[in-house]
Amino acid sequence: MDRTQIVIPCYNEAERLDVERFQRFSKSHPRFRFLFVNDGSTDATASLIDGLQAASPHSMAAFHLGQNQGKAEAVRQGLLLSLATDATAVGYWDADLSTPLDALTQFQDVLERRPDIQLVMGTRLPLMGRSIERRWIRQKLGRIFGRCASYVVGLPIYDTQCGAKLLRAGNATRSLFAERFTSRWIFDVEMLVRWRVACRIMGSADPHAHLYELPLERWLEVKGSRLKSTDFIRAIGELWSIRRKYASQLYGDLPIGNAESDDSALEQAA
């Protein structure tokens, strides 16, 4: 059976980590494994995730960073460890389960139905018949940021920052996380920029052909989020830093591959 490993970045999550929900989901969905990355927490997070691993060693694992390095690095290191396993798909999920674990099966279904897709991204789209609970100000600032991020990435992406993503395991995914990210938080944007750079090097005329935005059925803004509305200003500055860092690779002269073979090259790399 193909296995999927999900990275759960954790920083001082002892009060919010719903151990029972992870255990229930794991028992009913044995193909999914969870890697909890403790990002230098100062509370009881370390002992909590060690307990999860001890209780369910085949489906839960704990990895500890010596000091706090930010969500980007916690996710990056967790994914690199996951890519070294037998997993055929890897991803990351917010520890507060703002996106329910049940949605994982929908993400997995996309990869199984669509062999051309390499990355499935959760999207908090407030459509009728869905339950997206988000504070008004966060929703408005999120849309402004989304438009700015879409401009930096150069792709019409609705929601770059939803903390629910699943990627097909392989060299293409590994290359996205080979180096540290510029930002500690909005690394999702930089990851997508790296994808565009990779596509350009391979000669892809359609860099979003292997990306899939999945509108979530449910998403709940959980109390205790460390992000503040004022972080919006910092995030905009980091967007500019990302754009400046990759400008030459996105718009300068590069040895471009054969555009006719871009799809097969990306799929083989994955």
C-alpha atoms as a PDB file:
ATOM      1  CA  MET A   1       0.000   0.000   0.000  1.00  0.00           C
ATOM      2  CA  ASP A   2       1.289   3.466  -0.895  1.00  0.00           C
ATOM      3  CA  ARG A   3       2.097   5.576   2.132  1.00  0.00           C
ATOM      4  CA  THR A   4       1.649   9.299   2.680  1.00  0.00           C
ATOM      5  CA  GLN A   5       3.591  11.195   5.331  1.00  0.00           C
ATOM      6  CA  ILE A   6       2.308  14.483   6.716  1.00  0.00           C
ATOM      7  CA  VAL A   7       4.542  16.941   8.565  1.00  0.00           C
ATOM      8  CA  ILE A   8       2.952  18.720  11.528  1.00  0.00           C
ATOM      9  CA  PRO A   9       5.062  21.736  12.592  1.00  0.00           C
ATOM     10  CA  CYS A  10       4.687  22.345  16.330  1.00  0.00           C
ATOM     11  CA  TYR A  11       5.767  25.315  18.425  1.00  0.00           C
ATOM     12  CA  ASN A  12       4.299  25.447  21.930  1.00  0.00           C
ATOM     13  CA  GLU A  13       1.270  23.428  20.856  1.00  0.00           C
ATOM     14  CA  ALA A  14       0.791  21.474  24.111  1.00  0.00           C
ATOM     15  CA  GLU A  15      -2.523  23.201  24.834  1.00  0.00           C
ATOM     16  CA  ARG A  16      -3.895  23.005  21.285  1.00  0.00           C
ATOM     17  CA  LEU A  17      -2.679  19.700  19.883  1.00  0.00           C
ATOM     18  CA  ASP A  18      -5.717  17.410  19.716  1.00  0.00           C
ATOM     19  CA  VAL A  19      -4.051  14.068  20.369  1.00  0.00           C
ATOM     20  CA  GLU A  20      -7.287  12.085  20.222  1.00  0.00           C
ATOM     21  CA  ARG A  21      -8.215  13.382  16.762  1.00  0.00           C
ATOM     22  CA  PHE A  22      -4.830  12.382  15.379  1.00  0.00           C
ATOM     23  CA  GLN A  23      -5.080   8.938  16.958  1.00  0.00           C
ATOM     24  CA  ARG A  24      -8.634   8.320  15.709  1.00  0.00           C
ATOM     25  CA  PHE A  25      -7.758   9.372  12.177  1.00  0.00           C
ATOM     26  CA  SER A  26      -4.589   7.304  12.167  1.00  0.00           C
ATOM     27  CA  LYS A  27      -6.435   4.136  13.211  1.00  0.00           C
ATOM     28  CA  SER A  28      -9.066   4.502  10.488  1.00  0.00           C
ATOM     29  CA  HIS A  29      -6.599   5.643   7.766  1.00  0.00           C
ATOM     30  CA  PRO A  30      -3.464   3.464   8.062  1.00  0.00           C
ATOM     31  CA  ARG A  31      -1.920   4.759   4.834  1.00  0.00           C
ATOM     32  CA  PHE A  32      -1.221   8.123   6.495  1.00  0.00           C
ATOM     33  CA  ARG A  33       1.753   8.685   8.803  1.00  0.00           C
ATOM     34  CA  PHE A  34       2.435  11.836  10.795  1.00  0.00           C
ATOM     35  CA  LEU A  35       5.784  13.433  11.572  1.00  0.00           C
ATOM     36  CA  PHE A  36       5.483  15.979  14.387  1.00  0.00           C
ATOM     37  CA  VAL A  37       8.348  18.491  14.226  1.00  0.00           C
ATOM     38  CA  ASN A  38       8.974  20.226  17.535  1.00  0.00           C
ATOM     39  CA  ASP A  39      10.335  23.663  16.633  1.00  0.00           C
ATOM     40  CA  GLY A  40      12.208  24.345  19.874  1.00  0.00           C
ATOM     41  CA  SER A  41       9.059  24.533  22.007  1.00  0.00           C
ATOM     42  CA  THR A  42       9.358  25.752  25.602  1.00  0.00           C
ATOM     43  CA  ASP A  43       6.185  24.073  26.880  1.00  0.00           C
ATOM     44  CA  ALA A  44       5.256  20.378  27.077  1.00  0.00           C
ATOM     45  CA  THR A  45       5.055  19.867  23.298  1.00  0.00           C
ATOM     46  CA  ALA A  46       8.185  17.690  23.198  1.00  0.00           C
ATOM     47  CA  SER A  47       6.913  15.167  25.748  1.00  0.00           C
ATOM     48  CA  LEU A  48       3.442  15.201  24.162  1.00  0.00           C
ATOM     49  CA  ILE A  49       4.638  14.206  20.695  1.00  0.00           C
ATOM     50  CA  ASP A  50       7.134  11.729  22.160  1.00  0.00           C
ATOM     51  CA  GLY A  51       4.134  10.111  23.827  1.00  0.00           C
ATOM     52  CA  LEU A  52       2.310   9.955  20.492  1.00  0.00           C
ATOM     53  CA  GLN A  53       5.280   8.218  18.910  1.00  0.00           C
ATOM     54  CA  ALA A  54       5.582   5.735  21.781  1.00  0.00           C
ATOM     55  CA  ALA A  55       1.881   4.875  21.585  1.00  0.00           C
ATOM     56  CA  SER A  56       1.738   4.566  17.775  1.00  0.00           C
ATOM     57  CA  PRO A  57       5.273   4.037  16.423  1.00  0.00           C
ATOM     58  CA  HIS A  58       4.042   2.817  13.014  1.00  0.00           C
ATOM     59  CA  SER A  59       1.951   5.894  12.287  1.00  0.00           C
ATOM     60  CA  MET A  60       3.418   8.699  14.440  1.00  0.00           C
ATOM     61  CA  ALA A  61       6.957  10.027  14.694  1.00  0.00           C
ATOM     62  CA  ALA A  62       8.550  12.918  16.562  1.00  0.00           C
ATOM     63  CA  PHE A  63      11.489  15.055  15.465  1.00  0.00           C
ATOM     64  CA  HIS A  64      12.994  17.792  17.633  1.00  0.00           C
ATOM     65  CA  LEU A  65      14.807  20.949  16.548  1.00  0.00           C
ATOM     66  CA  GLY A  66      17.211  22.216  19.197  1.00  0.00           C
ATOM     67  CA  GLN A  67      15.949  25.788  18.993  1.00  0.00           C
ATOM     68  CA  ASN A  68      13.067  27.676  17.463  1.00  0.00           C
ATOM     69  CA  GLN A  69      13.734  28.261  13.754  1.00  0.00           C
ATOM     70  CA  GLY A  70      10.299  29.214  12.462  1.00  0.00           C
ATOM     71  CA  LYS A  71       7.559  27.311  10.685  1.00  0.00           C
ATOM     72  CA  ALA A  72       9.350  27.403   7.324  1.00  0.00           C
ATOM     73  CA  GLU A  73      12.405  25.556   8.587  1.00  0.00           C
ATOM     74  CA  ALA A  74      10.355  23.126  10.675  1.00  0.00           C
ATOM     75  CA  VAL A  75       8.313  22.185   7.602  1.00  0.00           C
ATOM     76  CA  ARG A  76      11.374  22.066   5.352  1.00  0.00           C
ATOM     77  CA  GLN A  77      13.354  19.741   7.594  1.00  0.00           C
ATOM     78  CA  GLY A  78      10.305  17.575   8.219  1.00  0.00           C
ATOM     79  CA  LEU A  79       9.646  17.194   4.503  1.00  0.00           C
ATOM     80  CA  LEU A  80      13.262  16.329   3.748  1.00  0.00           C
ATOM     81  CA  LEU A  81      13.073  13.565   6.360  1.00  0.00           C
ATOM     82  CA  SER A  82       9.751  12.410   4.900  1.00  0.00           C
ATOM     83  CA  LEU A  83      11.184  12.312   1.378  1.00  0.00           C
ATOM     84  CA  ALA A  84      13.881   9.942   2.638  1.00  0.00           C
ATOM     85  CA  THR A  85      11.217   7.363   3.565  1.00  0.00           C
ATOM     86  CA  ASP A  86       9.118   5.078   1.356  1.00  0.00           C
ATOM     87  CA  ALA A  87       6.313   7.652   1.179  1.00  0.00           C
ATOM     88  CA  THR A  88       4.848   8.247  -2.279  1.00  0.00           C
ATOM     89  CA  ALA A  89       3.320  11.567  -1.190  1.00  0.00           C
ATOM     90  CA  VAL A  90       4.352  14.077   1.454  1.00  0.00           C
ATOM     91  CA  GLY A  91       2.680  17.164   2.818  1.00  0.00           C
ATOM     92  CA  TYR A  92       2.239  19.521   5.719  1.00  0.00           C
ATOM     93  CA  TRP A  93      -0.746  20.368   7.865  1.00  0.00           C
ATOM     94  CA  ASP A  94      -1.351  22.964  10.591  1.00  0.00           C
ATOM     95  CA  ALA A  95      -1.144  21.483  14.091  1.00  0.00           C
ATOM     96  CA  ASP A  96      -4.339  23.234  15.217  1.00  0.00           C
ATOM     97  CA  LEU A  97      -6.323  21.255  12.608  1.00  0.00           C
ATOM     98  CA  SER A  98      -7.998  24.364  11.247  1.00  0.00           C
ATOM     99  CA  THR A  99      -8.215  22.147   8.167  1.00  0.00           C
ATOM    100  CA  PRO A 100      -9.805  18.875   9.383  1.00  0.00           C
ATOM    101  CA  LEU A 101      -7.791  15.700   8.950  1.00  0.00           C
ATOM    102  CA  ASP A 102     -10.642  14.153   6.964  1.00  0.00           C
ATOM    103  CA  ALA A 103      -9.710  16.484   4.091  1.00  0.00           C
ATOM    104  CA  LEU A 104      -6.489  14.502   3.638  1.00  0.00           C
ATOM    105  CA  THR A 105      -8.394  11.792   1.784  1.00  0.00           C
ATOM    106  CA  GLN A 106      -9.645  14.390  -0.714  1.00  0.00           C
ATOM    107  CA  PHE A 107      -6.099  15.654  -1.285  1.00  0.00           C
ATOM    108  CA  GLN A 108      -4.875  12.102  -1.791  1.00  0.00           C
ATOM    109  CA  ASP A 109      -7.712  11.395  -4.204  1.00  0.00           C
ATOM    110  CA  VAL A 110      -6.579  14.265  -6.435  1.00  0.00           C
ATOM    111  CA  LEU A 111      -3.079  12.779  -6.754  1.00  0.00           C
ATOM    112  CA  GLU A 112      -4.534   9.360  -7.524  1.00  0.00           C
ATOM    113  CA  ARG A 113      -7.004  10.625 -10.134  1.00  0.00           C
ATOM    114  CA  ARG A 114      -4.610  13.086 -11.729  1.00  0.00           C
ATOM    115  CA  PRO A 115      -1.125  11.658 -12.358  1.00  0.00           C
ATOM    116  CA  ASP A 116      -0.152  14.997 -13.915  1.00  0.00           C
ATOM    117  CA  ILE A 117      -0.634  16.865 -10.627  1.00  0.00           C
ATOM    118  CA  GLN A 118       2.407  17.336  -8.390  1.00  0.00           C
ATOM    119  CA  LEU A 119       1.071  19.713  -5.722  1.00  0.00           C
ATOM    120  CA  VAL A 120      -2.404  19.959  -4.188  1.00  0.00           C
ATOM    121  CA  MET A 121      -3.100  23.169  -2.259  1.00  0.00           C
ATOM    122  CA  GLY A 122      -5.985  23.709   0.121  1.00  0.00           C
ATOM    123  CA  THR A 123      -7.949  26.864  -0.685  1.00  0.00           C
ATOM    124  CA  ARG A 124     -10.182  28.709   1.778  1.00  0.00           C
ATOM    125  CA  LEU A 125     -12.777  29.751  -0.754  1.00  0.00           C
ATOM    126  CA  PRO A 126     -16.050  30.906   0.889  1.00  0.00           C
ATOM    127  CA  LEU A 127     -18.394  29.171  -1.523  1.00  0.00           C
ATOM    128  CA  MET A 128     -22.004  28.285  -0.792  1.00  0.00           C
ATOM    129  CA  GLY A 129     -22.344  24.881   0.867  1.00  0.00           C
ATOM    130  CA  ARG A 130     -18.942  25.155   2.560  1.00  0.00           C
ATOM    131  CA  SER A 131     -18.057  26.209   6.099  1.00  0.00           C
ATOM    132  CA  ILE A 132     -15.102  28.610   6.085  1.00  0.00           C
ATOM    133  CA  GLU A 133     -15.012  30.366   9.466  1.00  0.00           C
ATOM    134  CA  ARG A 134     -12.547  33.218   9.431  1.00  0.00           C
ATOM    135  CA  ARG A 135     -12.542  36.621  11.087  1.00  0.00           C
ATOM    136  CA  TRP A 136     -13.624  39.410   8.738  1.00  0.00           C
ATOM    137  CA  ILE A 137     -10.395  41.385   9.033  1.00  0.00           C
ATOM    138  CA  ARG A 138      -8.247  38.294   8.490  1.00  0.00           C
ATOM    139  CA  GLN A 139     -10.293  37.383   5.419  1.00  0.00           C
ATOM    140  CA  LYS A 140      -9.937  40.864   3.890  1.00  0.00           C
ATOM    141  CA  LEU A 141      -6.213  41.117   4.624  1.00  0.00           C
ATOM    142  CA  GLY A 142      -5.814  37.589   3.311  1.00  0.00           C
ATOM    143  CA  ARG A 143      -7.364  38.541  -0.022  1.00  0.00           C
ATOM    144  CA  ILE A 144      -5.077  41.570  -0.360  1.00  0.00           C
ATOM    145  CA  PHE A 145      -2.065  39.433   0.479  1.00  0.00           C
ATOM    146  CA  GLY A 146      -3.272  36.736  -1.900  1.00  0.00           C
ATOM    147  CA  ARG A 147      -3.360  39.168  -4.803  1.00  0.00           C
ATOM    148  CA  CYS A 148       0.125  40.443  -3.969  1.00  0.00           C
ATOM    149  CA  ALA A 149       1.450  36.897  -3.601  1.00  0.00           C
ATOM    150  CA  SER A 150      -0.137  35.861  -6.888  1.00  0.00           C
ATOM    151  CA  TYR A 151       1.677  38.747  -8.571  1.00  0.00           C
ATOM    152  CA  VAL A 152       5.031  37.736  -7.041  1.00  0.00           C
ATOM    153  CA  VAL A 153       4.578  34.070  -7.968  1.00  0.00           C
ATOM    154  CA  GLY A 154       3.315  34.959 -11.416  1.00  0.00           C
ATOM    155  CA  LEU A 155       0.403  32.514 -11.190  1.00  0.00           C
ATOM    156  CA  PRO A 156      -3.313  33.161 -10.530  1.00  0.00           C
ATOM    157  CA  ILE A 157      -3.358  31.436  -7.125  1.00  0.00           C
ATOM    158  CA  TYR A 158      -6.257  32.295  -4.825  1.00  0.00           C
ATOM    159  CA  ASP A 159      -4.815  31.248  -1.458  1.00  0.00           C
ATOM    160  CA  THR A 160      -1.079  30.652  -1.018  1.00  0.00           C
ATOM    161  CA  GLN A 161      -1.099  30.574   2.794  1.00  0.00           C
ATOM    162  CA  CYS A 162      -3.522  27.802   3.682  1.00  0.00           C
ATOM    163  CA  GLY A 163      -1.502  25.408   5.855  1.00  0.00           C
ATOM    164  CA  ALA A 164      -2.702  22.265   4.080  1.00  0.00           C
ATOM    165  CA  LYS A 165      -0.643  21.008   1.137  1.00  0.00           C
ATOM    166  CA  LEU A 166       0.184  17.620  -0.357  1.00  0.00           C
ATOM    167  CA  LEU A 167       2.987  16.912  -2.837  1.00  0.00           C
ATOM    168  CA  ARG A 168       3.938  13.898  -4.888  1.00  0.00           C
ATOM    169  CA  ALA A 169       7.236  12.535  -3.538  1.00  0.00           C
ATOM    170  CA  GLY A 170      10.243  12.697  -5.839  1.00  0.00           C
ATOM    171  CA  ASN A 171      13.182  14.785  -6.988  1.00  0.00           C
ATOM    172  CA  ALA A 172      11.000  17.660  -8.168  1.00  0.00           C
ATOM    173  CA  THR A 173       9.529  18.062  -4.683  1.00  0.00           C
ATOM    174  CA  ARG A 174      12.907  17.553  -3.010  1.00  0.00           C
ATOM    175  CA  SER A 175      14.381  20.422  -5.033  1.00  0.00           C
ATOM    176  CA  LEU A 176      11.735  22.804  -3.684  1.00  0.00           C
ATOM    177  CA  PHE A 177      12.963  22.249  -0.125  1.00  0.00           C
ATOM    178  CA  ALA A 178      16.697  21.755  -0.691  1.00  0.00           C
ATOM    179  CA  GLU A 179      17.608  25.235   0.600  1.00  0.00           C
ATOM    180  CA  ARG A 180      16.391  27.310   3.533  1.00  0.00           C
ATOM    181  CA  PHE A 181      13.604  29.751   2.794  1.00  0.00           C
ATOM    182  CA  THR A 182      13.956  33.518   2.968  1.00  0.00           C
ATOM    183  CA  SER A 183      10.902  33.918   5.196  1.00  0.00           C
ATOM    184  CA  ARG A 184      10.056  32.107   8.434  1.00  0.00           C
ATOM    185  CA  TRP A 185       6.313  32.243   7.674  1.00  0.00           C
ATOM    186  CA  ILE A 186       5.332  32.958   4.058  1.00  0.00           C
ATOM    187  CA  PHE A 187       7.572  30.216   2.694  1.00  0.00           C
ATOM    188  CA  ASP A 188       4.610  28.847   0.677  1.00  0.00           C
ATOM    189  CA  VAL A 189       5.055  31.778  -1.706  1.00  0.00           C
ATOM    190  CA  GLU A 190       8.770  31.116  -2.083  1.00  0.00           C
ATOM    191  CA  MET A 191       8.090  27.422  -2.662  1.00  0.00           C
ATOM    192  CA  LEU A 192       5.777  28.314  -5.548  1.00  0.00           C
ATOM    193  CA  VAL A 193       8.338  30.739  -6.964  1.00  0.00           C
ATOM    194  CA  ARG A 194      10.894  27.930  -6.867  1.00  0.00           C
ATOM    195  CA  TRP A 195       8.406  25.789  -8.770  1.00  0.00           C
ATOM    196  CA  ARG A 196       8.158  28.441 -11.465  1.00  0.00           C
ATOM    197  CA  VAL A 197      11.944  28.647 -11.681  1.00  0.00           C
ATOM    198  CA  ALA A 198      12.183  24.859 -12.041  1.00  0.00           C
ATOM    199  CA  CYS A 199       9.545  24.890 -14.764  1.00  0.00           C
ATOM    200  CA  ARG A 200      11.341  27.664 -16.608  1.00  0.00           C
ATOM    201  CA  ILE A 201      14.644  25.786 -16.530  1.00  0.00           C
ATOM    202  CA  MET A 202      12.868  22.734 -17.969  1.00  0.00           C
ATOM    203  CA  GLY A 203      11.265  24.858 -20.655  1.00  0.00           C
ATOM    204  CA  SER A 204       7.699  24.659 -19.384  1.00  0.00           C
ATOM    205  CA  ALA A 205       5.312  26.980 -21.180  1.00  0.00           C
ATOM    206  CA  ASP A 206       2.616  26.297 -18.568  1.00  0.00           C
ATOM    207  CA  PRO A 207       4.069  26.337 -15.001  1.00  0.00           C
ATOM    208  CA  HIS A 208       0.689  25.880 -13.323  1.00  0.00           C
ATOM    209  CA  ALA A 209      -0.179  22.726 -15.282  1.00  0.00           C
ATOM    210  CA  HIS A 210       0.884  20.492 -12.373  1.00  0.00           C
ATOM    211  CA  LEU A 211      -0.692  22.531  -9.559  1.00  0.00           C
ATOM    212  CA  TYR A 212      -4.182  21.966  -8.175  1.00  0.00           C
ATOM    213  CA  GLU A 213      -6.205  24.247  -5.869  1.00  0.00           C
ATOM    214  CA  LEU A 214      -8.720  22.272  -3.812  1.00  0.00           C
ATOM    215  CA  PRO A 215     -11.545  24.322  -2.224  1.00  0.00           C
ATOM    216  CA  LEU A 216     -11.925  23.121   1.359  1.00  0.00           C
ATOM    217  CA  GLU A 217     -15.261  21.873   2.665  1.00  0.00           C
ATOM    218  CA  ARG A 218     -14.457  23.192   6.148  1.00  0.00           C
ATOM    219  CA  TRP A 219     -11.890  25.492   7.711  1.00  0.00           C
ATOM    220  CA  LEU A 220     -12.025  26.952  11.202  1.00  0.00           C
ATOM    221  CA  GLU A 221      -9.878  29.768  12.560  1.00  0.00           C
ATOM    222  CA  VAL A 222      -8.715  28.274  15.858  1.00  0.00           C
ATOM    223  CA  LYS A 223      -8.092  30.520  18.846  1.00  0.00           C
ATOM    224  CA  GLY A 224      -4.490  30.993  19.835  1.00  0.00           C
ATOM    225  CA  SER A 225      -3.055  31.814  16.415  1.00  0.00           C
ATOM    226  CA  ARG A 226       0.303  33.576  16.717  1.00  0.00           C
ATOM    227  CA  LEU A 227      -0.262  35.582  13.562  1.00  0.00           C
ATOM    228  CA  LYS A 228      -1.509  39.114  14.086  1.00  0.00           C
ATOM    229  CA  SER A 229      -3.080  41.527  11.659  1.00  0.00           C
ATOM    230  CA  THR A 230       0.033  43.714  11.995  1.00  0.00           C
ATOM    231  CA  ASP A 231       2.112  40.850  10.582  1.00  0.00           C
ATOM    232  CA  PHE A 232       0.457  41.668   7.268  1.00  0.00           C
ATOM    233  CA  ILE A 233       2.851  44.608   6.801  1.00  0.00           C
ATOM    234  CA  ARG A 234       5.898  42.446   7.491  1.00  0.00           C
ATOM    235  CA  ALA A 235       4.594  39.802   5.090  1.00  0.00           C
ATOM    236  CA  ILE A 236       4.302  42.346   2.280  1.00  0.00           C
ATOM    237  CA  GLY A 237       7.935  43.308   2.864  1.00  0.00           C
ATOM    238  CA  GLU A 238       8.964  39.665   2.726  1.00  0.00           C
ATOM    239  CA  LEU A 239       7.094  39.267  -0.555  1.00  0.00           C
ATOM    240  CA  TRP A 240       9.287  41.986  -2.034  1.00  0.00           C
ATOM    241  CA  SER A 241      12.412  40.236  -0.713  1.00  0.00           C
ATOM    242  CA  ILE A 242      11.326  36.980  -2.349  1.00  0.00           C
ATOM    243  CA  ARG A 243      10.624  38.662  -5.672  1.00  0.00           C
ATOM    244  CA  ARG A 244      13.998  40.426  -5.608  1.00  0.00           C
ATOM    245  CA  LYS A 245      15.863  37.212  -4.723  1.00  0.00           C
ATOM    246  CA  TYR A 246      14.451  35.229  -7.658  1.00  0.00           C
ATOM    247  CA  ALA A 247      14.030  38.029 -10.228  1.00  0.00           C
ATOM    248  CA  SER A 248      17.030  37.016 -12.325  1.00  0.00           C
ATOM    249  CA  GLN A 249      15.959  33.357 -12.377  1.00  0.00           C
ATOM    250  CA  LEU A 250      12.390  34.221 -13.314  1.00  0.00           C
ATOM    251  CA  TYR A 251      13.052  36.938 -15.840  1.00  0.00           C
ATOM    252  CA  GLY A 252      16.762  36.799 -16.755  1.00  0.00           C
ATOM    253  CA  ASP A 253      18.508  34.674 -19.324  1.00  0.00           C
ATOM    254  CA  LEU A 254      18.533  30.987 -18.414  1.00  0.00           C
ATOM    255  CA  PRO A 255      19.430  27.844 -20.326  1.00  0.00           C
ATOM    256  CA  ILE A 256      15.879  26.853 -21.192  1.00  0.00           C
ATOM    257  CA  GLY A 257      15.014  23.234 -21.941  1.00  0.00           C
ATOM    258  CA  ASN A 258      12.756  21.800 -24.594  1.00  0.00           C
ATOM    259  CA  ALA A 259       9.224  23.096 -24.033  1.00  0.00           C
ATOM    260  CA  GLU A 260       7.759  20.106 -25.839  1.00  0.00           C
ATOM    261  CA  SER A 261       9.106  17.711 -23.195  1.00  0.00           C
ATOM    262  CA  ASP A 262       8.442  19.761 -20.066  1.00  0.00           C
ATOM    263  CA  ASP A 263       5.509  17.689 -18.789  1.00  0.00           C
ATOM    264  CA  SER A 264       7.295  14.360 -19.017  1.00  0.00           C
ATOM    265  CA  ALA A 265      10.475  15.815 -17.496  1.00  0.00           C
ATOM    266  CA  LEU A 266       8.606  17.130 -14.467  1.00  0.00           C
ATOM    267  CA  GLU A 267       6.686  13.915 -14.009  1.00  0.00           C
ATOM    268  CA  GLN A 268       9.869  11.851 -14.236  1.00  0.00           C
ATOM    269  CA  ALA A 269      11.571  14.121 -11.706  1.00  0.00           C
ATOM    270  CA  ALA A 270       8.676  13.549  -9.332  1.00  0.00           C
END
